[in-house]
Amino acid sequence: LKQKIKTFKAVQQKEELLRLQLEKFGELKIAIATTM
């Protein structure tokens, strides 16, 4: 159980990091389109 919970938490942190990165990529695309 403790090992699985630790793994779940690590995966959740990675998922949140990816979510933030995707959000930043979306902002970057808007910035590029605006300058274009």
PDB file of all heavy atoms in Angstrom:
ATOM      1  N   LEU A   1       0.812  -1.215   0.000  1.00  0.00           N
ATOM      2  CA  LEU A   1       0.000   0.000   0.000  1.00  0.00           C
ATOM      3  C   LEU A   1       0.847   1.268   0.000  1.00  0.00           C
ATOM      4  O   LEU A   1       0.633   2.160  -0.821  1.00  0.00           O
ATOM      5  CB  LEU A   1      -0.940   0.008   1.205  1.00  0.00           C
ATOM      6  CG  LEU A   1      -1.796   1.260   1.342  1.00  0.00           C
ATOM      7  CD1 LEU A   1      -2.781   1.347   0.182  1.00  0.00           C
ATOM      8  CD2 LEU A   1      -2.526   1.266   2.663  1.00  0.00           C
ATOM      9  N   LYS A   2       1.806   1.364   0.897  1.00  0.00           N
ATOM     10  CA  LYS A   2       2.625   2.579   0.990  1.00  0.00           C
ATOM     11  C   LYS A   2       3.394   2.826  -0.298  1.00  0.00           C
ATOM     12  O   LYS A   2       3.499   3.960  -0.758  1.00  0.00           O
ATOM     13  CB  LYS A   2       3.571   2.487   2.175  1.00  0.00           C
ATOM     14  CG  LYS A   2       2.855   2.570   3.498  1.00  0.00           C
ATOM     15  CD  LYS A   2       3.789   2.452   4.666  1.00  0.00           C
ATOM     16  CE  LYS A   2       2.983   2.442   5.963  1.00  0.00           C
ATOM     17  NZ  LYS A   2       3.804   2.230   7.121  1.00  0.00           N
ATOM     18  N   GLN A   3       3.893   1.776  -0.900  1.00  0.00           N
ATOM     19  CA  GLN A   3       4.623   1.896  -2.157  1.00  0.00           C
ATOM     20  C   GLN A   3       3.691   2.369  -3.277  1.00  0.00           C
ATOM     21  O   GLN A   3       4.043   3.242  -4.064  1.00  0.00           O
ATOM     22  CB  GLN A   3       5.253   0.563  -2.522  1.00  0.00           C
ATOM     23  CG  GLN A   3       6.023   0.590  -3.818  1.00  0.00           C
ATOM     24  CD  GLN A   3       6.548  -0.784  -4.204  1.00  0.00           C
ATOM     25  OE1 GLN A   3       6.226  -1.774  -3.561  1.00  0.00           O
ATOM     26  NE2 GLN A   3       7.340  -0.836  -5.254  1.00  0.00           N
ATOM     27  N   LYS A   4       2.497   1.816  -3.329  1.00  0.00           N
ATOM     28  CA  LYS A   4       1.530   2.199  -4.374  1.00  0.00           C
ATOM     29  C   LYS A   4       1.073   3.647  -4.199  1.00  0.00           C
ATOM     30  O   LYS A   4       0.932   4.374  -5.173  1.00  0.00           O
ATOM     31  CB  LYS A   4       0.311   1.272  -4.358  1.00  0.00           C
ATOM     32  CG  LYS A   4       0.621  -0.166  -4.654  1.00  0.00           C
ATOM     33  CD  LYS A   4       1.044  -0.364  -6.073  1.00  0.00           C
ATOM     34  CE  LYS A   4       1.257  -1.846  -6.335  1.00  0.00           C
ATOM     35  NZ  LYS A   4       1.904  -2.112  -7.588  1.00  0.00           N
ATOM     36  N   ILE A   5       0.853   4.067  -2.950  1.00  0.00           N
ATOM     37  CA  ILE A   5       0.442   5.448  -2.694  1.00  0.00           C
ATOM     38  C   ILE A   5       1.546   6.402  -3.121  1.00  0.00           C
ATOM     39  O   ILE A   5       1.287   7.438  -3.745  1.00  0.00           O
ATOM     40  CB  ILE A   5       0.071   5.648  -1.209  1.00  0.00           C
ATOM     41  CG1 ILE A   5      -1.243   4.933  -0.906  1.00  0.00           C
ATOM     42  CG2 ILE A   5      -0.035   7.127  -0.863  1.00  0.00           C
ATOM     43  CD1 ILE A   5      -1.623   4.935   0.552  1.00  0.00           C
ATOM     44  N   LYS A   6       2.780   6.049  -2.811  1.00  0.00           N
ATOM     45  CA  LYS A   6       3.921   6.875  -3.207  1.00  0.00           C
ATOM     46  C   LYS A   6       3.995   6.982  -4.730  1.00  0.00           C
ATOM     47  O   LYS A   6       4.217   8.060  -5.281  1.00  0.00           O
ATOM     48  CB  LYS A   6       5.206   6.257  -2.651  1.00  0.00           C
ATOM     49  CG  LYS A   6       6.418   7.107  -2.779  1.00  0.00           C
ATOM     50  CD  LYS A   6       7.594   6.423  -2.074  1.00  0.00           C
ATOM     51  CE  LYS A   6       8.846   7.261  -2.165  1.00  0.00           C
ATOM     52  NZ  LYS A   6       9.987   6.609  -1.510  1.00  0.00           N
ATOM     53  N   THR A   7       3.756   5.868  -5.421  1.00  0.00           N
ATOM     54  CA  THR A   7       3.760   5.864  -6.876  1.00  0.00           C
ATOM     55  C   THR A   7       2.612   6.703  -7.431  1.00  0.00           C
ATOM     56  O   THR A   7       2.804   7.487  -8.370  1.00  0.00           O
ATOM     57  CB  THR A   7       3.660   4.416  -7.407  1.00  0.00           C
ATOM     58  OG1 THR A   7       4.710   3.647  -6.835  1.00  0.00           O
ATOM     59  CG2 THR A   7       3.753   4.366  -8.910  1.00  0.00           C
ATOM     60  N   PHE A   8       1.411   6.559  -6.856  1.00  0.00           N
ATOM     61  CA  PHE A   8       0.263   7.378  -7.284  1.00  0.00           C
ATOM     62  C   PHE A   8       0.572   8.862  -7.139  1.00  0.00           C
ATOM     63  O   PHE A   8       0.286   9.656  -8.035  1.00  0.00           O
ATOM     64  CB  PHE A   8      -0.977   7.056  -6.442  1.00  0.00           C
ATOM     65  CG  PHE A   8      -1.900   6.037  -7.049  1.00  0.00           C
ATOM     66  CD1 PHE A   8      -2.392   5.002  -6.271  1.00  0.00           C
ATOM     67  CD2 PHE A   8      -2.301   6.115  -8.361  1.00  0.00           C
ATOM     68  CE1 PHE A   8      -3.256   4.061  -6.805  1.00  0.00           C
ATOM     69  CE2 PHE A   8      -3.168   5.182  -8.908  1.00  0.00           C
ATOM     70  CZ  PHE A   8      -3.646   4.152  -8.119  1.00  0.00           C
ATOM     71  N   LYS A   9       1.157   9.254  -6.023  1.00  0.00           N
ATOM     72  CA  LYS A   9       1.477  10.669  -5.792  1.00  0.00           C
ATOM     73  C   LYS A   9       2.504  11.169  -6.792  1.00  0.00           C
ATOM     74  O   LYS A   9       2.392  12.291  -7.294  1.00  0.00           O
ATOM     75  CB  LYS A   9       1.967  10.878  -4.360  1.00  0.00           C
ATOM     76  CG  LYS A   9       0.870  10.795  -3.331  1.00  0.00           C
ATOM     77  CD  LYS A   9       1.409  11.044  -1.944  1.00  0.00           C
ATOM     78  CE  LYS A   9       0.290  11.011  -0.916  1.00  0.00           C
ATOM     79  NZ  LYS A   9       0.789  11.270   0.446  1.00  0.00           N
ATOM     80  N   ALA A  10       3.511  10.353  -7.103  1.00  0.00           N
ATOM     81  CA  ALA A  10       4.526  10.747  -8.084  1.00  0.00           C
ATOM     82  C   ALA A  10       3.907  10.927  -9.464  1.00  0.00           C
ATOM     83  O   ALA A  10       4.203  11.904 -10.170  1.00  0.00           O
ATOM     84  CB  ALA A  10       5.636   9.703  -8.124  1.00  0.00           C
ATOM     85  N   VAL A  11       3.020  10.007  -9.842  1.00  0.00           N
ATOM     86  CA  VAL A  11       2.348  10.112 -11.140  1.00  0.00           C
ATOM     87  C   VAL A  11       1.466  11.355 -11.174  1.00  0.00           C
ATOM     88  O   VAL A  11       1.419  12.076 -12.171  1.00  0.00           O
ATOM     89  CB  VAL A  11       1.534   8.832 -11.437  1.00  0.00           C
ATOM     90  CG1 VAL A  11       0.608   9.021 -12.626  1.00  0.00           C
ATOM     91  CG2 VAL A  11       2.468   7.659 -11.666  1.00  0.00           C
ATOM     92  N   GLN A  12       0.777  11.641 -10.072  1.00  0.00           N
ATOM     93  CA  GLN A  12      -0.079  12.828 -10.016  1.00  0.00           C
ATOM     94  C   GLN A  12       0.746  14.108 -10.162  1.00  0.00           C
ATOM     95  O   GLN A  12       0.325  15.037 -10.848  1.00  0.00           O
ATOM     96  CB  GLN A  12      -0.855  12.837  -8.701  1.00  0.00           C
ATOM     97  CG  GLN A  12      -1.879  13.944  -8.618  1.00  0.00           C
ATOM     98  CD  GLN A  12      -2.632  13.937  -7.297  1.00  0.00           C
ATOM     99  OE1 GLN A  12      -2.089  13.534  -6.262  1.00  0.00           O
ATOM    100  NE2 GLN A  12      -3.859  14.371  -7.325  1.00  0.00           N
ATOM    101  N   GLN A  13       1.915  14.158  -9.537  1.00  0.00           N
ATOM    102  CA  GLN A  13       2.779  15.335  -9.662  1.00  0.00           C
ATOM    103  C   GLN A  13       3.256  15.507 -11.100  1.00  0.00           C
ATOM    104  O   GLN A  13       3.284  16.627 -11.628  1.00  0.00           O
ATOM    105  CB  GLN A  13       3.971  15.224  -8.715  1.00  0.00           C
ATOM    106  CG  GLN A  13       3.604  15.440  -7.273  1.00  0.00           C
ATOM    107  CD  GLN A  13       4.784  15.202  -6.334  1.00  0.00           C
ATOM    108  OE1 GLN A  13       5.793  14.628  -6.716  1.00  0.00           O
ATOM    109  NE2 GLN A  13       4.634  15.664  -5.103  1.00  0.00           N
ATOM    110  N   LYS A  14       3.633  14.403 -11.742  1.00  0.00           N
ATOM    111  CA  LYS A  14       4.072  14.463 -13.148  1.00  0.00           C
ATOM    112  C   LYS A  14       2.925  14.912 -14.046  1.00  0.00           C
ATOM    113  O   LYS A  14       3.111  15.699 -14.972  1.00  0.00           O
ATOM    114  CB  LYS A  14       4.585  13.096 -13.615  1.00  0.00           C
ATOM    115  CG  LYS A  14       5.829  12.645 -12.926  1.00  0.00           C
ATOM    116  CD  LYS A  14       7.027  13.393 -13.415  1.00  0.00           C
ATOM    117  CE  LYS A  14       8.286  12.801 -12.793  1.00  0.00           C
ATOM    118  NZ  LYS A  14       9.456  13.590 -13.061  1.00  0.00           N
ATOM    119  N   GLU A  15       1.728  14.413 -13.773  1.00  0.00           N
ATOM    120  CA  GLU A  15       0.557  14.791 -14.555  1.00  0.00           C
ATOM    121  C   GLU A  15       0.281  16.291 -14.422  1.00  0.00           C
ATOM    122  O   GLU A  15      -0.005  16.969 -15.411  1.00  0.00           O
ATOM    123  CB  GLU A  15      -0.657  13.986 -14.086  1.00  0.00           C
ATOM    124  CG  GLU A  15      -1.926  14.262 -14.862  1.00  0.00           C
ATOM    125  CD  GLU A  15      -3.102  13.462 -14.341  1.00  0.00           C
ATOM    126  OE1 GLU A  15      -3.114  13.101 -13.140  1.00  0.00           O
ATOM    127  OE2 GLU A  15      -4.015  13.204 -15.135  1.00  0.00           O
ATOM    128  N   GLU A  16       0.394  16.814 -13.217  1.00  0.00           N
ATOM    129  CA  GLU A  16       0.186  18.248 -12.995  1.00  0.00           C
ATOM    130  C   GLU A  16       1.249  19.069 -13.719  1.00  0.00           C
ATOM    131  O   GLU A  16       0.946  20.104 -14.314  1.00  0.00           O
ATOM    132  CB  GLU A  16       0.195  18.561 -11.493  1.00  0.00           C
ATOM    133  CG  GLU A  16      -0.144  19.989 -11.153  1.00  0.00           C
ATOM    134  CD  GLU A  16      -1.523  20.427 -11.615  1.00  0.00           C
ATOM    135  OE1 GLU A  16      -2.442  19.591 -11.668  1.00  0.00           O
ATOM    136  OE2 GLU A  16      -1.681  21.634 -11.930  1.00  0.00           O
ATOM    137  N   LEU A  17       2.485  18.604 -13.695  1.00  0.00           N
ATOM    138  CA  LEU A  17       3.563  19.288 -14.409  1.00  0.00           C
ATOM    139  C   LEU A  17       3.288  19.305 -15.907  1.00  0.00           C
ATOM    140  O   LEU A  17       3.438  20.347 -16.564  1.00  0.00           O
ATOM    141  CB  LEU A  17       4.900  18.607 -14.109  1.00  0.00           C
ATOM    142  CG  LEU A  17       6.124  19.192 -14.790  1.00  0.00           C
ATOM    143  CD1 LEU A  17       6.364  20.626 -14.318  1.00  0.00           C
ATOM    144  CD2 LEU A  17       7.340  18.337 -14.519  1.00  0.00           C
ATOM    145  N   LEU A  18       2.861  18.178 -16.454  1.00  0.00           N
ATOM    146  CA  LEU A  18       2.522  18.132 -17.878  1.00  0.00           C
ATOM    147  C   LEU A  18       1.345  19.037 -18.215  1.00  0.00           C
ATOM    148  O   LEU A  18       1.330  19.691 -19.265  1.00  0.00           O
ATOM    149  CB  LEU A  18       2.209  16.690 -18.302  1.00  0.00           C
ATOM    150  CG  LEU A  18       3.415  15.777 -18.484  1.00  0.00           C
ATOM    151  CD1 LEU A  18       2.963  14.345 -18.701  1.00  0.00           C
ATOM    152  CD2 LEU A  18       4.268  16.246 -19.643  1.00  0.00           C
ATOM    153  N   ARG A  19       0.365  19.094 -17.328  1.00  0.00           N
ATOM    154  CA  ARG A  19      -0.792  19.966 -17.544  1.00  0.00           C
ATOM    155  C   ARG A  19      -0.342  21.432 -17.621  1.00  0.00           C
ATOM    156  O   ARG A  19      -0.783  22.186 -18.495  1.00  0.00           O
ATOM    157  CB  ARG A  19      -1.811  19.770 -16.423  1.00  0.00           C
ATOM    158  CG  ARG A  19      -3.134  20.473 -16.677  1.00  0.00           C
ATOM    159  CD  ARG A  19      -4.163  20.191 -15.598  1.00  0.00           C
ATOM    160  NE  ARG A  19      -4.555  18.781 -15.624  1.00  0.00           N
ATOM    161  CZ  ARG A  19      -4.421  17.942 -14.594  1.00  0.00           C
ATOM    162  NH1 ARG A  19      -3.930  18.351 -13.458  1.00  0.00           N
ATOM    163  NH2 ARG A  19      -4.800  16.691 -14.697  1.00  0.00           N
ATOM    164  N   LEU A  20       0.552  21.814 -16.710  1.00  0.00           N
ATOM    165  CA  LEU A  20       1.070  23.187 -16.721  1.00  0.00           C
ATOM    166  C   LEU A  20       1.889  23.453 -17.987  1.00  0.00           C
ATOM    167  O   LEU A  20       1.801  24.538 -18.567  1.00  0.00           O
ATOM    168  CB  LEU A  20       1.915  23.440 -15.475  1.00  0.00           C
ATOM    169  CG  LEU A  20       1.160  23.537 -14.160  1.00  0.00           C
ATOM    170  CD1 LEU A  20       2.127  23.597 -12.979  1.00  0.00           C
ATOM    171  CD2 LEU A  20       0.248  24.741 -14.153  1.00  0.00           C
ATOM    172  N   GLN A  21       2.689  22.474 -18.409  1.00  0.00           N
ATOM    173  CA  GLN A  21       3.476  22.641 -19.625  1.00  0.00           C
ATOM    174  C   GLN A  21       2.574  22.799 -20.838  1.00  0.00           C
ATOM    175  O   GLN A  21       2.828  23.642 -21.706  1.00  0.00           O
ATOM    176  CB  GLN A  21       4.424  21.453 -19.812  1.00  0.00           C
ATOM    177  CG  GLN A  21       5.573  21.450 -18.830  1.00  0.00           C
ATOM    178  CD  GLN A  21       6.436  20.202 -18.937  1.00  0.00           C
ATOM    179  OE1 GLN A  21       6.027  19.191 -19.519  1.00  0.00           O
ATOM    180  NE2 GLN A  21       7.629  20.269 -18.367  1.00  0.00           N
ATOM    181  N   LEU A  22       1.508  22.007 -20.925  1.00  0.00           N
ATOM    182  CA  LEU A  22       0.569  22.138 -22.043  1.00  0.00           C
ATOM    183  C   LEU A  22      -0.106  23.500 -22.045  1.00  0.00           C
ATOM    184  O   LEU A  22      -0.329  24.098 -23.104  1.00  0.00           O
ATOM    185  CB  LEU A  22      -0.481  21.027 -21.988  1.00  0.00           C
ATOM    186  CG  LEU A  22       0.000  19.642 -22.400  1.00  0.00           C
ATOM    187  CD1 LEU A  22      -1.078  18.603 -22.115  1.00  0.00           C
ATOM    188  CD2 LEU A  22       0.371  19.623 -23.871  1.00  0.00           C
ATOM    189  N   GLU A  23      -0.417  24.005 -20.865  1.00  0.00           N
ATOM    190  CA  GLU A  23      -1.011  25.337 -20.760  1.00  0.00           C
ATOM    191  C   GLU A  23      -0.041  26.394 -21.283  1.00  0.00           C
ATOM    192  O   GLU A  23      -0.433  27.299 -22.023  1.00  0.00           O
ATOM    193  CB  GLU A  23      -1.362  25.606 -19.288  1.00  0.00           C
ATOM    194  CG  GLU A  23      -2.094  26.899 -19.053  1.00  0.00           C
ATOM    195  CD  GLU A  23      -2.419  27.078 -17.579  1.00  0.00           C
ATOM    196  OE1 GLU A  23      -3.016  26.156 -16.979  1.00  0.00           O
ATOM    197  OE2 GLU A  23      -2.062  28.141 -17.033  1.00  0.00           O
ATOM    198  N   LYS A  24       1.229  26.266 -20.929  1.00  0.00           N
ATOM    199  CA  LYS A  24       2.247  27.221 -21.401  1.00  0.00           C
ATOM    200  C   LYS A  24       2.442  27.122 -22.909  1.00  0.00           C
ATOM    201  O   LYS A  24       2.632  28.132 -23.580  1.00  0.00           O
ATOM    202  CB  LYS A  24       3.581  26.990 -20.677  1.00  0.00           C
ATOM    203  CG  LYS A  24       3.531  27.298 -19.201  1.00  0.00           C
ATOM    204  CD  LYS A  24       3.195  28.753 -18.955  1.00  0.00           C
ATOM    205  CE  LYS A  24       3.104  29.043 -17.476  1.00  0.00           C
ATOM    206  NZ  LYS A  24       2.593  30.368 -17.199  1.00  0.00           N
ATOM    207  N   PHE A  25       2.390  25.898 -23.455  1.00  0.00           N
ATOM    208  CA  PHE A  25       2.476  25.746 -24.900  1.00  0.00           C
ATOM    209  C   PHE A  25       1.308  26.429 -25.593  1.00  0.00           C
ATOM    210  O   PHE A  25       1.464  27.037 -26.646  1.00  0.00           O
ATOM    211  CB  PHE A  25       2.542  24.267 -25.298  1.00  0.00           C
ATOM    212  CG  PHE A  25       3.906  23.660 -25.186  1.00  0.00           C
ATOM    213  CD1 PHE A  25       4.112  22.536 -24.415  1.00  0.00           C
ATOM    214  CD2 PHE A  25       4.994  24.208 -25.856  1.00  0.00           C
ATOM    215  CE1 PHE A  25       5.366  21.965 -24.307  1.00  0.00           C
ATOM    216  CE2 PHE A  25       6.254  23.648 -25.754  1.00  0.00           C
ATOM    217  CZ  PHE A  25       6.449  22.524 -24.975  1.00  0.00           C
ATOM    218  N   GLY A  26       0.131  26.338 -25.012  1.00  0.00           N
ATOM    219  CA  GLY A  26      -1.034  27.030 -25.569  1.00  0.00           C
ATOM    220  C   GLY A  26      -0.842  28.537 -25.566  1.00  0.00           C
ATOM    221  O   GLY A  26      -1.158  29.216 -26.551  1.00  0.00           O
ATOM    222  N   GLU A  27      -0.302  29.057 -24.478  1.00  0.00           N
ATOM    223  CA  GLU A  27      -0.022  30.496 -24.399  1.00  0.00           C
ATOM    224  C   GLU A  27       1.039  30.897 -25.424  1.00  0.00           C
ATOM    225  O   GLU A  27       0.958  31.969 -26.033  1.00  0.00           O
ATOM    226  CB  GLU A  27       0.431  30.863 -22.990  1.00  0.00           C
ATOM    227  CG  GLU A  27      -0.656  30.750 -21.957  1.00  0.00           C
ATOM    228  CD  GLU A  27      -0.144  30.952 -20.527  1.00  0.00           C
ATOM    229  OE1 GLU A  27       1.039  31.327 -20.353  1.00  0.00           O
ATOM    230  OE2 GLU A  27      -0.923  30.723 -19.590  1.00  0.00           O
ATOM    231  N   LEU A  28       2.036  30.032 -25.602  1.00  0.00           N
ATOM    232  CA  LEU A  28       3.083  30.303 -26.582  1.00  0.00           C
ATOM    233  C   LEU A  28       2.519  30.352 -27.995  1.00  0.00           C
ATOM    234  O   LEU A  28       2.873  31.236 -28.788  1.00  0.00           O
ATOM    235  CB  LEU A  28       4.181  29.243 -26.480  1.00  0.00           C
ATOM    236  CG  LEU A  28       5.357  29.376 -27.440  1.00  0.00           C
ATOM    237  CD1 LEU A  28       6.096  30.697 -27.213  1.00  0.00           C
ATOM    238  CD2 LEU A  28       6.308  28.193 -27.277  1.00  0.00           C
ATOM    239  N   LYS A  29       1.609  29.438 -28.323  1.00  0.00           N
ATOM    240  CA  LYS A  29       0.993  29.434 -29.648  1.00  0.00           C
ATOM    241  C   LYS A  29       0.195  30.717 -29.880  1.00  0.00           C
ATOM    242  O   LYS A  29       0.230  31.287 -30.962  1.00  0.00           O
ATOM    243  CB  LYS A  29       0.081  28.203 -29.810  1.00  0.00           C
ATOM    244  CG  LYS A  29       0.873  26.937 -29.994  1.00  0.00           C
ATOM    245  CD  LYS A  29       0.114  25.649 -30.156  1.00  0.00           C
ATOM    246  CE  LYS A  29      -1.323  25.567 -30.104  1.00  0.00           C
ATOM    247  NZ  LYS A  29      -1.903  24.227 -30.207  1.00  0.00           N
ATOM    248  N   ILE A  30      -0.503  31.175 -28.848  1.00  0.00           N
ATOM    249  CA  ILE A  30      -1.269  32.426 -28.970  1.00  0.00           C
ATOM    250  C   ILE A  30      -0.318  33.597 -29.187  1.00  0.00           C
ATOM    251  O   ILE A  30      -0.570  34.482 -30.011  1.00  0.00           O
ATOM    252  CB  ILE A  30      -2.169  32.629 -27.732  1.00  0.00           C
ATOM    253  CG1 ILE A  30      -3.284  31.588 -27.738  1.00  0.00           C
ATOM    254  CG2 ILE A  30      -2.731  34.052 -27.704  1.00  0.00           C
ATOM    255  CD1 ILE A  30      -4.090  31.559 -26.456  1.00  0.00           C
ATOM    256  N   ALA A  31       0.799  33.606 -28.457  1.00  0.00           N
ATOM    257  CA  ALA A  31       1.773  34.693 -28.596  1.00  0.00           C
ATOM    258  C   ALA A  31       2.368  34.690 -30.003  1.00  0.00           C
ATOM    259  O   ALA A  31       2.531  35.758 -30.613  1.00  0.00           O
ATOM    260  CB  ALA A  31       2.873  34.555 -27.550  1.00  0.00           C
ATOM    261  N   ILE A  32       2.692  33.521 -30.537  1.00  0.00           N
ATOM    262  CA  ILE A  32       3.251  33.430 -31.893  1.00  0.00           C
ATOM    263  C   ILE A  32       2.218  33.893 -32.904  1.00  0.00           C
ATOM    264  O   ILE A  32       2.540  34.653 -33.829  1.00  0.00           O
ATOM    265  CB  ILE A  32       3.715  31.991 -32.190  1.00  0.00           C
ATOM    266  CG1 ILE A  32       4.935  31.647 -31.315  1.00  0.00           C
ATOM    267  CG2 ILE A  32       4.045  31.813 -33.663  1.00  0.00           C
ATOM    268  CD1 ILE A  32       5.303  30.168 -31.352  1.00  0.00           C
ATOM    269  N   ALA A  33       0.962  33.469 -32.752  1.00  0.00           N
ATOM    270  CA  ALA A  33      -0.096  33.888 -33.687  1.00  0.00           C
ATOM    271  C   ALA A  33      -0.312  35.392 -33.610  1.00  0.00           C
ATOM    272  O   ALA A  33      -0.521  36.042 -34.647  1.00  0.00           O
ATOM    273  CB  ALA A  33      -1.379  33.150 -33.359  1.00  0.00           C
ATOM    274  N   THR A  34      -0.231  35.958 -32.419  1.00  0.00           N
ATOM    275  CA  THR A  34      -0.418  37.407 -32.255  1.00  0.00           C
ATOM    276  C   THR A  34       0.696  38.183 -32.976  1.00  0.00           C
ATOM    277  O   THR A  34       0.435  39.162 -33.668  1.00  0.00           O
ATOM    278  CB  THR A  34      -0.455  37.779 -30.759  1.00  0.00           C
ATOM    279  OG1 THR A  34      -1.497  37.033 -30.139  1.00  0.00           O
ATOM    280  CG2 THR A  34      -0.707  39.264 -30.560  1.00  0.00           C
ATOM    281  N   THR A  35       1.953  37.728 -32.803  1.00  0.00           N
ATOM    282  CA  THR A  35       3.059  38.427 -33.451  1.00  0.00           C
ATOM    283  C   THR A  35       3.034  38.234 -34.974  1.00  0.00           C
ATOM    284  O   THR A  35       3.497  39.073 -35.717  1.00  0.00           O
ATOM    285  CB  THR A  35       4.416  37.947 -32.908  1.00  0.00           C
ATOM    286  OG1 THR A  35       4.540  36.549 -33.103  1.00  0.00           O
ATOM    287  CG2 THR A  35       4.547  38.300 -31.419  1.00  0.00           C
ATOM    288  N   MET A  36       2.495  37.114 -35.430  1.00  0.00           N
ATOM    289  CA  MET A  36       2.412  36.838 -36.861  1.00  0.00           C
ATOM    290  C   MET A  36       1.445  37.806 -37.544  1.00  0.00           C
ATOM    291  O   MET A  36       1.646  38.188 -38.691  1.00  0.00           O
ATOM    292  CB  MET A  36       1.946  35.394 -37.060  1.00  0.00           C
ATOM    293  CG  MET A  36       2.065  34.917 -38.484  1.00  0.00           C
ATOM    294  SD  MET A  36       1.838  33.140 -38.613  1.00  0.00           S
ATOM    295  CE  MET A  36       0.078  33.014 -38.483  1.00  0.00           C
TER     296      MET A  36
END
